[in-house]
Amino acid sequence: MTKPRASVTIRDVARRAGVSVATVSRYINKTGPVSKAVGERLDAVMEELHYVPHAAARKLATHKTFTIGLLLSDIGGDFFAPLLRGIEDVLASHGYDLLIASTRKPRRWHGKSLPVGPHNTDGILGFADSLDEDHLRRLMAQHFPLVLIHRTPPPDLPIPCVTIENKAAAHAMTSHLIEQHRRRRIVFLQGPPGEEDSHWREIGYRRALADHGIPFDPGLVMRGDFDRDVAFATIEAALRQGIAFDAVFAGDDESAEGVLAALHVHGIAVPEEIAVVGFDDQRMSPYLTPPLTTVRAPTEMVGRHAAQRLIELIRDGTTELMTLLPTQLVIRRSCGCPDRGGDDS
């Protein structure tokens, strides 16, 4: 007869599976290698006996929380769903829970204790500008595992980071508008102030202009903030002021959506009069009117790689410092190219 669930112990599991208690402990706590066959046998025995590892005991035994903290400057918008999916998939496979703290005010925690850290997690994933330099230095001084996402650390801090190729993609997109569609008055919508991705996208935009002999006009660099409403208001203001432009390179797809809405309100045809392109290739981008030409960023893979880097740092004390993932152009109709079915690059 199977024991009641509460009375089943790790020794019962080990005895039924024909392995040592230490092997069961290694498998449950993921503190050492266990063969696939043994792991499958242990899973079957634990299910048969209705054994559930006691989380509190596990944490006390290993001096770990088995929780990872994720700091975000914002959790709204379509961008974060694939990022979180990638992070959670990897952490779950290693037996870790995810604790998320977010704020719309990046400097909210400046000079204050972080909501996640050594007191309640085993490591931190820090997105973009969610951590200021003081916090980075404090965590490094404590030797606390930390990985940055879409941000590189100060030069003197060896903090692992995972980001994407922005500059080359922005150069290629701007060059496409110039070479294929003869656009010369190209607005660039920046992301939030201090956003590293936006900085490198603007560098790529500027270099493409220079490479094609087009003088840089600072009046065509405008606020977008990676935000639909901000981008809408910016393009509306530019149209009212009579600023001449024949294309808009939005800093991300959400701001591109705001651009398309503003142009539609003013009766401006896209792409016939003004071309519009974005960055990220978010879920809604193929379904906009017209379908959005953009840069495909591997957002879910960014989350996966960042989580894996942090697990390696916790487990081994070291991991690779820079992970730079590739991006690619996705050509749709909003730039002026024929519609290729919404997913050709």
C-alpha atoms as a PDB file:
ATOM      1  CA  MET A   1       0.000   0.000   0.000  1.00  0.00           C
ATOM      2  CA  THR A   2       1.284   3.454  -0.883  1.00  0.00           C
ATOM      3  CA  LYS A   3       1.997   5.682   2.111  1.00  0.00           C
ATOM      4  CA  PRO A   4      -0.047   8.855   2.541  1.00  0.00           C
ATOM      5  CA  ARG A   5       1.621  11.698   0.613  1.00  0.00           C
ATOM      6  CA  ALA A   6       2.768  13.612   3.700  1.00  0.00           C
ATOM      7  CA  SER A   7       4.662  10.604   5.096  1.00  0.00           C
ATOM      8  CA  VAL A   8       6.616   9.726   1.948  1.00  0.00           C
ATOM      9  CA  THR A   9      10.282  10.633   2.364  1.00  0.00           C
ATOM     10  CA  ILE A  10      13.302  10.914   0.110  1.00  0.00           C
ATOM     11  CA  ARG A  11      14.492   7.588   1.561  1.00  0.00           C
ATOM     12  CA  ASP A  12      11.295   5.918   0.348  1.00  0.00           C
ATOM     13  CA  VAL A  13      11.939   7.257  -3.137  1.00  0.00           C
ATOM     14  CA  ALA A  14      15.551   6.077  -3.103  1.00  0.00           C
ATOM     15  CA  ARG A  15      14.580   2.603  -1.855  1.00  0.00           C
ATOM     16  CA  ARG A  16      11.832   2.153  -4.476  1.00  0.00           C
ATOM     17  CA  ALA A  17      14.071   3.409  -7.313  1.00  0.00           C
ATOM     18  CA  GLY A  18      17.060   1.330  -6.197  1.00  0.00           C
ATOM     19  CA  VAL A  19      19.426   4.287  -5.880  1.00  0.00           C
ATOM     20  CA  SER A  20      21.100   6.141  -3.040  1.00  0.00           C
ATOM     21  CA  VAL A  21      19.532   9.036  -1.153  1.00  0.00           C
ATOM     22  CA  ALA A  22      22.391  11.188  -2.452  1.00  0.00           C
ATOM     23  CA  THR A  23      21.399  10.406  -6.049  1.00  0.00           C
ATOM     24  CA  VAL A  24      17.789  11.411  -5.383  1.00  0.00           C
ATOM     25  CA  SER A  25      18.995  14.611  -3.719  1.00  0.00           C
ATOM     26  CA  ARG A  26      21.281  15.438  -6.670  1.00  0.00           C
ATOM     27  CA  TYR A  27      18.418  14.923  -9.088  1.00  0.00           C
ATOM     28  CA  ILE A  28      15.875  16.962  -7.139  1.00  0.00           C
ATOM     29  CA  ASN A  29      18.255  19.814  -6.345  1.00  0.00           C
ATOM     30  CA  LYS A  30      20.087  19.684  -9.700  1.00  0.00           C
ATOM     31  CA  THR A  31      23.431  19.810  -7.913  1.00  0.00           C
ATOM     32  CA  GLY A  32      25.081  17.063  -9.933  1.00  0.00           C
ATOM     33  CA  PRO A  33      24.703  14.864 -13.021  1.00  0.00           C
ATOM     34  CA  VAL A  34      22.174  12.035 -13.105  1.00  0.00           C
ATOM     35  CA  SER A  35      21.710   9.815 -16.154  1.00  0.00           C
ATOM     36  CA  LYS A  36      18.580  10.168 -18.243  1.00  0.00           C
ATOM     37  CA  ALA A  37      17.477   6.640 -17.389  1.00  0.00           C
ATOM     38  CA  VAL A  38      17.846   7.223 -13.637  1.00  0.00           C
ATOM     39  CA  GLY A  39      16.071  10.565 -13.915  1.00  0.00           C
ATOM     40  CA  GLU A  40      13.129   8.970 -15.710  1.00  0.00           C
ATOM     41  CA  ARG A  41      12.974   6.204 -13.099  1.00  0.00           C
ATOM     42  CA  LEU A  42      12.989   8.757 -10.277  1.00  0.00           C
ATOM     43  CA  ASP A  43      10.231  10.770 -11.949  1.00  0.00           C
ATOM     44  CA  ALA A  44       8.111   7.628 -12.240  1.00  0.00           C
ATOM     45  CA  VAL A  45       8.714   6.621  -8.606  1.00  0.00           C
ATOM     46  CA  MET A  46       7.952  10.109  -7.268  1.00  0.00           C
ATOM     47  CA  GLU A  47       4.726  10.163  -9.259  1.00  0.00           C
ATOM     48  CA  GLU A  48       3.802   6.672  -8.055  1.00  0.00           C
ATOM     49  CA  LEU A  49       4.466   7.579  -4.408  1.00  0.00           C
ATOM     50  CA  HIS A  50       2.986  11.074  -4.789  1.00  0.00           C
ATOM     51  CA  TYR A  51       6.234  12.480  -3.443  1.00  0.00           C
ATOM     52  CA  VAL A  52       6.754  16.244  -3.705  1.00  0.00           C
ATOM     53  CA  PRO A  53      10.113  17.701  -2.592  1.00  0.00           C
ATOM     54  CA  HIS A  54       9.655  20.104   0.282  1.00  0.00           C
ATOM     55  CA  ALA A  55      10.731  23.477  -1.103  1.00  0.00           C
ATOM     56  CA  ALA A  56      11.706  24.968   2.239  1.00  0.00           C
ATOM     57  CA  ALA A  57      13.834  21.953   3.153  1.00  0.00           C
ATOM     58  CA  ARG A  58      15.465  22.054  -0.257  1.00  0.00           C
ATOM     59  CA  LYS A  59      16.394  25.697   0.200  1.00  0.00           C
ATOM     60  CA  LEU A  60      17.762  25.141   3.698  1.00  0.00           C
ATOM     61  CA  ALA A  61      19.820  22.169   2.571  1.00  0.00           C
ATOM     62  CA  THR A  62      21.393  23.996  -0.352  1.00  0.00           C
ATOM     63  CA  HIS A  63      21.456  27.559   1.048  1.00  0.00           C
ATOM     64  CA  LYS A  64      19.713  28.677  -2.145  1.00  0.00           C
ATOM     65  CA  THR A  65      16.348  30.229  -2.901  1.00  0.00           C
ATOM     66  CA  PHE A  66      16.061  28.582  -6.343  1.00  0.00           C
ATOM     67  CA  THR A  67      14.604  31.877  -7.493  1.00  0.00           C
ATOM     68  CA  ILE A  68      15.937  34.305 -10.113  1.00  0.00           C
ATOM     69  CA  GLY A  69      15.104  38.010 -10.050  1.00  0.00           C
ATOM     70  CA  LEU A  70      14.259  39.927 -13.228  1.00  0.00           C
ATOM     71  CA  LEU A  71      14.352  43.733 -13.151  1.00  0.00           C
ATOM     72  CA  LEU A  72      12.461  45.533 -15.905  1.00  0.00           C
ATOM     73  CA  SER A  73      11.937  49.214 -16.562  1.00  0.00           C
ATOM     74  CA  ASP A  74       8.493  48.356 -17.966  1.00  0.00           C
ATOM     75  CA  ILE A  75       6.511  45.195 -18.580  1.00  0.00           C
ATOM     76  CA  GLY A  76       3.920  46.618 -20.970  1.00  0.00           C
ATOM     77  CA  GLY A  77       3.776  46.200 -24.737  1.00  0.00           C
ATOM     78  CA  ASP A  78       4.177  43.241 -27.042  1.00  0.00           C
ATOM     79  CA  PHE A  79       7.978  43.172 -26.795  1.00  0.00           C
ATOM     80  CA  PHE A  80       8.239  41.468 -23.415  1.00  0.00           C
ATOM     81  CA  ALA A  81       6.089  38.356 -23.968  1.00  0.00           C
ATOM     82  CA  PRO A  82       8.686  36.419 -26.032  1.00  0.00           C
ATOM     83  CA  LEU A  83      11.515  37.655 -23.790  1.00  0.00           C
ATOM     84  CA  LEU A  84       9.763  36.330 -20.677  1.00  0.00           C
ATOM     85  CA  ARG A  85       8.874  33.075 -22.444  1.00  0.00           C
ATOM     86  CA  GLY A  86      12.530  32.452 -23.258  1.00  0.00           C
ATOM     87  CA  ILE A  87      13.677  33.244 -19.723  1.00  0.00           C
ATOM     88  CA  GLU A  88      11.017  31.145 -18.025  1.00  0.00           C
ATOM     89  CA  ASP A  89      11.564  28.104 -20.249  1.00  0.00           C
ATOM     90  CA  VAL A  90      15.254  27.909 -19.370  1.00  0.00           C
ATOM     91  CA  LEU A  91      14.811  28.643 -15.663  1.00  0.00           C
ATOM     92  CA  ALA A  92      12.047  26.058 -15.308  1.00  0.00           C
ATOM     93  CA  SER A  93      14.241  23.407 -16.903  1.00  0.00           C
ATOM     94  CA  HIS A  94      16.814  24.057 -14.174  1.00  0.00           C
ATOM     95  CA  GLY A  95      14.309  24.114 -11.321  1.00  0.00           C
ATOM     96  CA  TYR A  96      14.252  27.884 -10.762  1.00  0.00           C
ATOM     97  CA  ASP A  97      11.308  30.195 -10.198  1.00  0.00           C
ATOM     98  CA  LEU A  98      11.182  33.735 -11.602  1.00  0.00           C
ATOM     99  CA  LEU A  99      10.490  36.833  -9.507  1.00  0.00           C
ATOM    100  CA  ILE A 100       9.786  39.973 -11.569  1.00  0.00           C
ATOM    101  CA  ALA A 101      10.044  43.588 -10.427  1.00  0.00           C
ATOM    102  CA  SER A 102       9.181  46.366 -12.874  1.00  0.00           C
ATOM    103  CA  THR A 103       8.779  50.123 -12.898  1.00  0.00           C
ATOM    104  CA  ARG A 104       8.039  52.802 -15.486  1.00  0.00           C
ATOM    105  CA  LYS A 105      10.549  55.039 -13.697  1.00  0.00           C
ATOM    106  CA  PRO A 106      14.061  53.662 -14.387  1.00  0.00           C
ATOM    107  CA  ARG A 107      15.615  55.624 -11.504  1.00  0.00           C
ATOM    108  CA  ARG A 108      12.960  54.571  -8.991  1.00  0.00           C
ATOM    109  CA  TRP A 109      15.448  52.355  -7.159  1.00  0.00           C
ATOM    110  CA  HIS A 110      18.333  54.849  -7.264  1.00  0.00           C
ATOM    111  CA  GLY A 111      19.871  55.031  -3.794  1.00  0.00           C
ATOM    112  CA  LYS A 112      17.443  52.426  -2.458  1.00  0.00           C
ATOM    113  CA  SER A 113      17.525  48.700  -1.862  1.00  0.00           C
ATOM    114  CA  LEU A 114      16.498  46.645  -4.865  1.00  0.00           C
ATOM    115  CA  PRO A 115      13.272  44.623  -4.609  1.00  0.00           C
ATOM    116  CA  VAL A 116      15.231  41.545  -5.719  1.00  0.00           C
ATOM    117  CA  GLY A 117      18.761  40.633  -4.727  1.00  0.00           C
ATOM    118  CA  PRO A 118      20.825  38.466  -2.362  1.00  0.00           C
ATOM    119  CA  HIS A 119      18.038  38.512   0.244  1.00  0.00           C
ATOM    120  CA  ASN A 120      15.502  36.675  -1.938  1.00  0.00           C
ATOM    121  CA  THR A 121      17.152  35.387  -5.125  1.00  0.00           C
ATOM    122  CA  ASP A 122      20.210  33.483  -6.332  1.00  0.00           C
ATOM    123  CA  GLY A 123      20.915  35.870  -9.205  1.00  0.00           C
ATOM    124  CA  ILE A 124      19.544  38.826 -11.165  1.00  0.00           C
ATOM    125  CA  LEU A 125      18.704  39.475 -14.805  1.00  0.00           C
ATOM    126  CA  GLY A 126      18.767  43.235 -15.390  1.00  0.00           C
ATOM    127  CA  PHE A 127      16.977  44.570 -18.469  1.00  0.00           C
ATOM    128  CA  ALA A 128      18.304  47.716 -20.188  1.00  0.00           C
ATOM    129  CA  ASP A 129      18.353  50.692 -17.798  1.00  0.00           C
ATOM    130  CA  SER A 130      16.594  49.003 -14.858  1.00  0.00           C
ATOM    131  CA  LEU A 131      19.841  49.033 -12.816  1.00  0.00           C
ATOM    132  CA  ASP A 132      21.966  52.133 -12.340  1.00  0.00           C
ATOM    133  CA  GLU A 133      25.744  51.970 -12.134  1.00  0.00           C
ATOM    134  CA  ASP A 134      25.793  52.194  -8.330  1.00  0.00           C
ATOM    135  CA  HIS A 135      23.692  49.051  -8.069  1.00  0.00           C
ATOM    136  CA  LEU A 136      25.885  47.266 -10.621  1.00  0.00           C
ATOM    137  CA  ARG A 137      29.007  48.059  -8.610  1.00  0.00           C
ATOM    138  CA  ARG A 138      27.410  47.044  -5.331  1.00  0.00           C
ATOM    139  CA  LEU A 139      26.263  43.692  -6.697  1.00  0.00           C
ATOM    140  CA  MET A 140      29.662  43.027  -8.246  1.00  0.00           C
ATOM    141  CA  ALA A 141      31.383  43.843  -4.938  1.00  0.00           C
ATOM    142  CA  GLN A 142      29.146  41.232  -3.308  1.00  0.00           C
ATOM    143  CA  HIS A 143      30.063  38.697  -6.051  1.00  0.00           C
ATOM    144  CA  PHE A 144      26.352  38.281  -6.690  1.00  0.00           C
ATOM    145  CA  PRO A 145      25.483  36.585 -10.011  1.00  0.00           C
ATOM    146  CA  LEU A 146      24.198  39.153 -12.505  1.00  0.00           C
ATOM    147  CA  VAL A 147      23.520  39.187 -16.261  1.00  0.00           C
ATOM    148  CA  LEU A 148      22.470  42.246 -18.244  1.00  0.00           C
ATOM    149  CA  ILE A 149      19.954  42.141 -21.111  1.00  0.00           C
ATOM    150  CA  HIS A 150      20.045  44.635 -24.006  1.00  0.00           C
ATOM    151  CA  ARG A 151      22.773  46.578 -22.240  1.00  0.00           C
ATOM    152  CA  THR A 152      26.534  46.398 -21.960  1.00  0.00           C
ATOM    153  CA  PRO A 153      28.232  47.060 -18.598  1.00  0.00           C
ATOM    154  CA  PRO A 154      30.694  49.846 -17.792  1.00  0.00           C
ATOM    155  CA  PRO A 155      34.124  48.968 -19.262  1.00  0.00           C
ATOM    156  CA  ASP A 156      35.673  48.117 -15.893  1.00  0.00           C
ATOM    157  CA  LEU A 157      32.886  45.760 -14.750  1.00  0.00           C
ATOM    158  CA  PRO A 158      33.100  42.181 -16.128  1.00  0.00           C
ATOM    159  CA  ILE A 159      29.348  41.596 -16.114  1.00  0.00           C
ATOM    160  CA  PRO A 160      27.980  39.135 -18.696  1.00  0.00           C
ATOM    161  CA  CYS A 161      25.473  40.636 -21.112  1.00  0.00           C
ATOM    162  CA  VAL A 162      23.191  39.444 -23.899  1.00  0.00           C
ATOM    163  CA  THR A 163      22.144  41.810 -26.661  1.00  0.00           C
ATOM    164  CA  ILE A 164      21.477  41.976 -30.402  1.00  0.00           C
ATOM    165  CA  GLU A 165      23.162  43.443 -33.466  1.00  0.00           C
ATOM    166  CA  ASN A 166      21.581  46.893 -33.849  1.00  0.00           C
ATOM    167  CA  LYS A 167      24.018  49.039 -35.815  1.00  0.00           C
ATOM    168  CA  ALA A 168      24.479  46.864 -38.901  1.00  0.00           C
ATOM    169  CA  ALA A 169      20.743  46.186 -39.138  1.00  0.00           C
ATOM    170  CA  ALA A 170      19.871  49.883 -38.894  1.00  0.00           C
ATOM    171  CA  HIS A 171      22.508  50.669 -41.531  1.00  0.00           C
ATOM    172  CA  ALA A 172      21.050  48.013 -43.836  1.00  0.00           C
ATOM    173  CA  MET A 173      17.477  49.229 -43.313  1.00  0.00           C
ATOM    174  CA  THR A 174      18.372  52.869 -43.970  1.00  0.00           C
ATOM    175  CA  SER A 175      20.391  51.848 -47.028  1.00  0.00           C
ATOM    176  CA  HIS A 176      17.400  49.870 -48.316  1.00  0.00           C
ATOM    177  CA  LEU A 177      15.205  52.969 -48.118  1.00  0.00           C
ATOM    178  CA  ILE A 178      17.835  55.041 -49.929  1.00  0.00           C
ATOM    179  CA  GLU A 179      18.899  52.560 -52.619  1.00  0.00           C
ATOM    180  CA  GLN A 180      15.662  50.754 -53.392  1.00  0.00           C
ATOM    181  CA  HIS A 181      13.119  53.515 -52.798  1.00  0.00           C
ATOM    182  CA  ARG A 182      15.098  56.737 -53.370  1.00  0.00           C
ATOM    183  CA  ARG A 183      14.206  58.147 -49.947  1.00  0.00           C
ATOM    184  CA  ARG A 184      16.449  60.946 -48.706  1.00  0.00           C
ATOM    185  CA  ARG A 185      14.473  62.764 -46.014  1.00  0.00           C
ATOM    186  CA  ILE A 186      14.306  59.910 -43.493  1.00  0.00           C
ATOM    187  CA  VAL A 187      13.014  60.592 -39.994  1.00  0.00           C
ATOM    188  CA  PHE A 188      14.581  58.501 -37.236  1.00  0.00           C
ATOM    189  CA  LEU A 189      12.474  58.016 -34.106  1.00  0.00           C
ATOM    190  CA  GLN A 190      14.659  57.497 -31.049  1.00  0.00           C
ATOM    191  CA  GLY A 191      13.882  55.214 -28.135  1.00  0.00           C
ATOM    192  CA  PRO A 192      13.810  56.362 -24.501  1.00  0.00           C
ATOM    193  CA  PRO A 193      16.728  58.595 -23.422  1.00  0.00           C
ATOM    194  CA  GLY A 194      19.822  56.543 -22.598  1.00  0.00           C
ATOM    195  CA  GLU A 195      18.465  53.373 -24.230  1.00  0.00           C
ATOM    196  CA  GLU A 196      21.471  51.509 -25.640  1.00  0.00           C
ATOM    197  CA  ASP A 197      19.601  49.746 -28.440  1.00  0.00           C
ATOM    198  CA  SER A 198      18.288  53.097 -29.679  1.00  0.00           C
ATOM    199  CA  HIS A 199      21.788  54.596 -29.566  1.00  0.00           C
ATOM    200  CA  TRP A 200      23.267  51.927 -31.839  1.00  0.00           C
ATOM    201  CA  ARG A 201      20.299  52.024 -34.208  1.00  0.00           C
ATOM    202  CA  GLU A 202      20.807  55.756 -34.590  1.00  0.00           C
ATOM    203  CA  ILE A 203      24.520  55.248 -35.239  1.00  0.00           C
ATOM    204  CA  GLY A 204      23.656  52.780 -38.022  1.00  0.00           C
ATOM    205  CA  TYR A 205      21.138  55.249 -39.488  1.00  0.00           C
ATOM    206  CA  ARG A 206      23.656  58.108 -39.462  1.00  0.00           C
ATOM    207  CA  ARG A 207      26.404  56.029 -41.047  1.00  0.00           C
ATOM    208  CA  ALA A 208      24.101  54.870 -43.823  1.00  0.00           C
ATOM    209  CA  LEU A 209      23.264  58.509 -44.620  1.00  0.00           C
ATOM    210  CA  ALA A 210      26.970  59.378 -44.692  1.00  0.00           C
ATOM    211  CA  ASP A 211      27.826  56.366 -46.850  1.00  0.00           C
ATOM    212  CA  HIS A 212      25.272  57.562 -49.417  1.00  0.00           C
ATOM    213  CA  GLY A 213      26.356  61.204 -49.369  1.00  0.00           C
ATOM    214  CA  ILE A 214      23.223  62.458 -47.624  1.00  0.00           C
ATOM    215  CA  PRO A 215      23.881  65.235 -45.091  1.00  0.00           C
ATOM    216  CA  PHE A 216      22.676  64.460 -41.584  1.00  0.00           C
ATOM    217  CA  ASP A 217      19.776  66.693 -40.538  1.00  0.00           C
ATOM    218  CA  PRO A 218      19.345  66.726 -36.718  1.00  0.00           C
ATOM    219  CA  GLY A 219      15.804  68.039 -37.257  1.00  0.00           C
ATOM    220  CA  LEU A 220      14.846  64.615 -38.614  1.00  0.00           C
ATOM    221  CA  VAL A 221      15.853  62.818 -35.413  1.00  0.00           C
ATOM    222  CA  MET A 222      12.760  62.886 -33.232  1.00  0.00           C
ATOM    223  CA  ARG A 223      11.349  61.453 -30.036  1.00  0.00           C
ATOM    224  CA  GLY A 224       9.649  58.053 -30.232  1.00  0.00           C
ATOM    225  CA  ASP A 225      10.365  56.442 -26.843  1.00  0.00           C
ATOM    226  CA  PHE A 226       9.464  52.951 -28.185  1.00  0.00           C
ATOM    227  CA  ASP A 227       5.868  54.031 -27.534  1.00  0.00           C
ATOM    228  CA  ARG A 228       2.819  54.172 -29.860  1.00  0.00           C
ATOM    229  CA  ASP A 229       1.313  57.313 -28.348  1.00  0.00           C
ATOM    230  CA  VAL A 230       4.593  59.236 -28.258  1.00  0.00           C
ATOM    231  CA  ALA A 231       5.356  58.329 -31.881  1.00  0.00           C
ATOM    232  CA  PHE A 232       1.842  59.311 -32.961  1.00  0.00           C
ATOM    233  CA  ALA A 233       2.183  62.720 -31.287  1.00  0.00           C
ATOM    234  CA  THR A 234       5.669  63.269 -32.745  1.00  0.00           C
ATOM    235  CA  ILE A 235       4.626  62.597 -36.345  1.00  0.00           C
ATOM    236  CA  GLU A 236       1.464  64.660 -35.935  1.00  0.00           C
ATOM    237  CA  ALA A 237       3.572  67.593 -34.703  1.00  0.00           C
ATOM    238  CA  ALA A 238       6.064  67.195 -37.580  1.00  0.00           C
ATOM    239  CA  LEU A 239       3.227  67.253 -40.121  1.00  0.00           C
ATOM    240  CA  ARG A 240       1.632  70.327 -38.552  1.00  0.00           C
ATOM    241  CA  GLN A 241       4.981  72.112 -38.593  1.00  0.00           C
ATOM    242  CA  GLY A 242       5.434  71.351 -42.278  1.00  0.00           C
ATOM    243  CA  ILE A 243       8.648  69.350 -41.833  1.00  0.00           C
ATOM    244  CA  ALA A 244       9.403  67.622 -45.129  1.00  0.00           C
ATOM    245  CA  PHE A 245      10.161  63.881 -44.965  1.00  0.00           C
ATOM    246  CA  ASP A 246       9.591  60.900 -47.240  1.00  0.00           C
ATOM    247  CA  ALA A 247      10.283  58.006 -44.851  1.00  0.00           C
ATOM    248  CA  VAL A 248      10.200  57.161 -41.140  1.00  0.00           C
ATOM    249  CA  PHE A 249      12.551  54.697 -39.499  1.00  0.00           C
ATOM    250  CA  ALA A 250      10.777  54.012 -36.211  1.00  0.00           C
ATOM    251  CA  GLY A 251      12.998  52.867 -33.359  1.00  0.00           C
ATOM    252  CA  ASP A 252      10.780  49.844 -32.769  1.00  0.00           C
ATOM    253  CA  ASP A 253       7.584  48.298 -34.139  1.00  0.00           C
ATOM    254  CA  GLU A 254       5.350  49.776 -31.447  1.00  0.00           C
ATOM    255  CA  SER A 255       6.372  53.306 -32.373  1.00  0.00           C
ATOM    256  CA  ALA A 256       5.977  52.356 -36.064  1.00  0.00           C
ATOM    257  CA  GLU A 257       2.346  51.509 -35.278  1.00  0.00           C
ATOM    258  CA  GLY A 258       1.883  55.033 -33.926  1.00  0.00           C
ATOM    259  CA  VAL A 259       3.516  56.473 -37.049  1.00  0.00           C
ATOM    260  CA  LEU A 260       1.138  54.560 -39.345  1.00  0.00           C
ATOM    261  CA  ALA A 261      -1.856  55.769 -37.333  1.00  0.00           C
ATOM    262  CA  ALA A 262      -0.755  59.421 -37.533  1.00  0.00           C
ATOM    263  CA  LEU A 263      -0.157  59.248 -41.270  1.00  0.00           C
ATOM    264  CA  HIS A 264      -3.547  57.601 -41.758  1.00  0.00           C
ATOM    265  CA  VAL A 265      -5.299  60.382 -39.821  1.00  0.00           C
ATOM    266  CA  HIS A 266      -3.696  62.934 -42.138  1.00  0.00           C
ATOM    267  CA  GLY A 267      -4.640  61.007 -45.267  1.00  0.00           C
ATOM    268  CA  ILE A 268      -1.036  60.252 -46.227  1.00  0.00           C
ATOM    269  CA  ALA A 269      -0.567  57.050 -48.237  1.00  0.00           C
ATOM    270  CA  VAL A 270       2.004  54.516 -47.018  1.00  0.00           C
ATOM    271  CA  PRO A 271       4.302  53.690 -48.748  1.00  0.00           C
ATOM    272  CA  GLU A 272       3.400  55.745 -51.832  1.00  0.00           C
ATOM    273  CA  GLU A 273       3.995  59.117 -50.149  1.00  0.00           C
ATOM    274  CA  ILE A 274       5.908  58.179 -47.001  1.00  0.00           C
ATOM    275  CA  ALA A 275       7.620  54.854 -46.331  1.00  0.00           C
ATOM    276  CA  VAL A 276       7.583  53.443 -42.790  1.00  0.00           C
ATOM    277  CA  VAL A 277       9.882  50.805 -41.293  1.00  0.00           C
ATOM    278  CA  GLY A 278      10.424  49.505 -37.774  1.00  0.00           C
ATOM    279  CA  PHE A 279      12.612  47.259 -35.635  1.00  0.00           C
ATOM    280  CA  ASP A 280      11.957  44.009 -33.669  1.00  0.00           C
ATOM    281  CA  ASP A 281       9.369  42.211 -35.890  1.00  0.00           C
ATOM    282  CA  GLN A 282       6.789  41.958 -33.153  1.00  0.00           C
ATOM    283  CA  ARG A 283       3.768  39.703 -33.410  1.00  0.00           C
ATOM    284  CA  MET A 284       1.417  42.318 -34.884  1.00  0.00           C
ATOM    285  CA  SER A 285       3.848  43.649 -37.513  1.00  0.00           C
ATOM    286  CA  PRO A 286       2.742  41.441 -40.461  1.00  0.00           C
ATOM    287  CA  TYR A 287      -0.893  42.397 -39.790  1.00  0.00           C
ATOM    288  CA  LEU A 288      -0.559  46.170 -39.819  1.00  0.00           C
ATOM    289  CA  THR A 289      -1.872  48.165 -42.796  1.00  0.00           C
ATOM    290  CA  PRO A 290       0.298  47.982 -44.786  1.00  0.00           C
ATOM    291  CA  PRO A 291       2.359  45.063 -43.426  1.00  0.00           C
ATOM    292  CA  LEU A 292       5.435  46.484 -41.725  1.00  0.00           C
ATOM    293  CA  THR A 293       8.949  46.202 -43.112  1.00  0.00           C
ATOM    294  CA  THR A 294      11.145  45.774 -40.060  1.00  0.00           C
ATOM    295  CA  VAL A 295      14.221  44.157 -38.525  1.00  0.00           C
ATOM    296  CA  ARG A 296      13.679  40.745 -36.976  1.00  0.00           C
ATOM    297  CA  ALA A 297      15.237  40.593 -33.517  1.00  0.00           C
ATOM    298  CA  PRO A 298      15.508  37.184 -31.789  1.00  0.00           C
ATOM    299  CA  THR A 299      13.800  38.382 -28.600  1.00  0.00           C
ATOM    300  CA  GLU A 300      12.902  34.964 -27.228  1.00  0.00           C
ATOM    301  CA  MET A 301      16.462  33.751 -27.835  1.00  0.00           C
ATOM    302  CA  VAL A 302      17.782  36.780 -25.957  1.00  0.00           C
ATOM    303  CA  GLY A 303      15.770  35.622 -22.952  1.00  0.00           C
ATOM    304  CA  ARG A 304      16.980  32.045 -23.317  1.00  0.00           C
ATOM    305  CA  HIS A 305      20.635  32.999 -23.613  1.00  0.00           C
ATOM    306  CA  ALA A 306      20.453  35.441 -20.702  1.00  0.00           C
ATOM    307  CA  ALA A 307      18.868  32.845 -18.421  1.00  0.00           C
ATOM    308  CA  GLN A 308      21.430  30.226 -19.472  1.00  0.00           C
ATOM    309  CA  ARG A 309      24.329  32.611 -18.859  1.00  0.00           C
ATOM    310  CA  LEU A 310      23.009  33.300 -15.357  1.00  0.00           C
ATOM    311  CA  ILE A 311      22.552  29.601 -14.574  1.00  0.00           C
ATOM    312  CA  GLU A 312      26.166  28.997 -15.675  1.00  0.00           C
ATOM    313  CA  LEU A 313      27.341  31.868 -13.497  1.00  0.00           C
ATOM    314  CA  ILE A 314      25.524  30.467 -10.456  1.00  0.00           C
ATOM    315  CA  ARG A 315      26.665  26.907 -11.113  1.00  0.00           C
ATOM    316  CA  ASP A 316      30.227  27.411 -12.354  1.00  0.00           C
ATOM    317  CA  GLY A 317      31.140  30.920 -11.234  1.00  0.00           C
ATOM    318  CA  THR A 318      31.901  31.965 -14.811  1.00  0.00           C
ATOM    319  CA  THR A 319      30.308  32.318 -18.246  1.00  0.00           C
ATOM    320  CA  GLU A 320      31.000  34.151 -21.494  1.00  0.00           C
ATOM    321  CA  LEU A 321      30.882  37.913 -21.074  1.00  0.00           C
ATOM    322  CA  MET A 322      29.316  38.996 -24.368  1.00  0.00           C
ATOM    323  CA  THR A 323      26.550  37.273 -26.300  1.00  0.00           C
ATOM    324  CA  LEU A 324      25.621  39.197 -29.474  1.00  0.00           C
ATOM    325  CA  LEU A 325      22.728  37.701 -31.420  1.00  0.00           C
ATOM    326  CA  PRO A 326      22.158  38.398 -35.129  1.00  0.00           C
ATOM    327  CA  THR A 327      19.237  40.311 -36.638  1.00  0.00           C
ATOM    328  CA  GLN A 328      17.851  40.376 -40.181  1.00  0.00           C
ATOM    329  CA  LEU A 329      15.709  42.566 -42.418  1.00  0.00           C
ATOM    330  CA  VAL A 330      12.137  41.462 -43.046  1.00  0.00           C
ATOM    331  CA  ILE A 331      10.811  43.118 -46.195  1.00  0.00           C
ATOM    332  CA  ARG A 332       7.074  43.811 -46.377  1.00  0.00           C
ATOM    333  CA  ARG A 333       4.990  46.435 -48.131  1.00  0.00           C
ATOM    334  CA  SER A 334       5.319  49.489 -45.845  1.00  0.00           C
ATOM    335  CA  CYS A 335       8.714  50.421 -47.332  1.00  0.00           C
ATOM    336  CA  GLY A 336       7.454  50.318 -50.937  1.00  0.00           C
ATOM    337  CA  CYS A 337       8.433  46.789 -51.889  1.00  0.00           C
ATOM    338  CA  PRO A 338       5.818  44.407 -53.313  1.00  0.00           C
ATOM    339  CA  ASP A 339       4.030  42.329 -50.712  1.00  0.00           C
ATOM    340  CA  ARG A 340       5.893  39.020 -50.393  1.00  0.00           C
ATOM    341  CA  GLY A 341       3.419  37.297 -48.123  1.00  0.00           C
ATOM    342  CA  GLY A 342       4.456  39.135 -45.000  1.00  0.00           C
ATOM    343  CA  ASP A 343       7.435  37.076 -43.913  1.00  0.00           C
ATOM    344  CA  ASP A 344      10.183  37.241 -46.507  1.00  0.00           C
ATOM    345  CA  SER A 345      13.541  38.768 -45.713  1.00  0.00           C
END
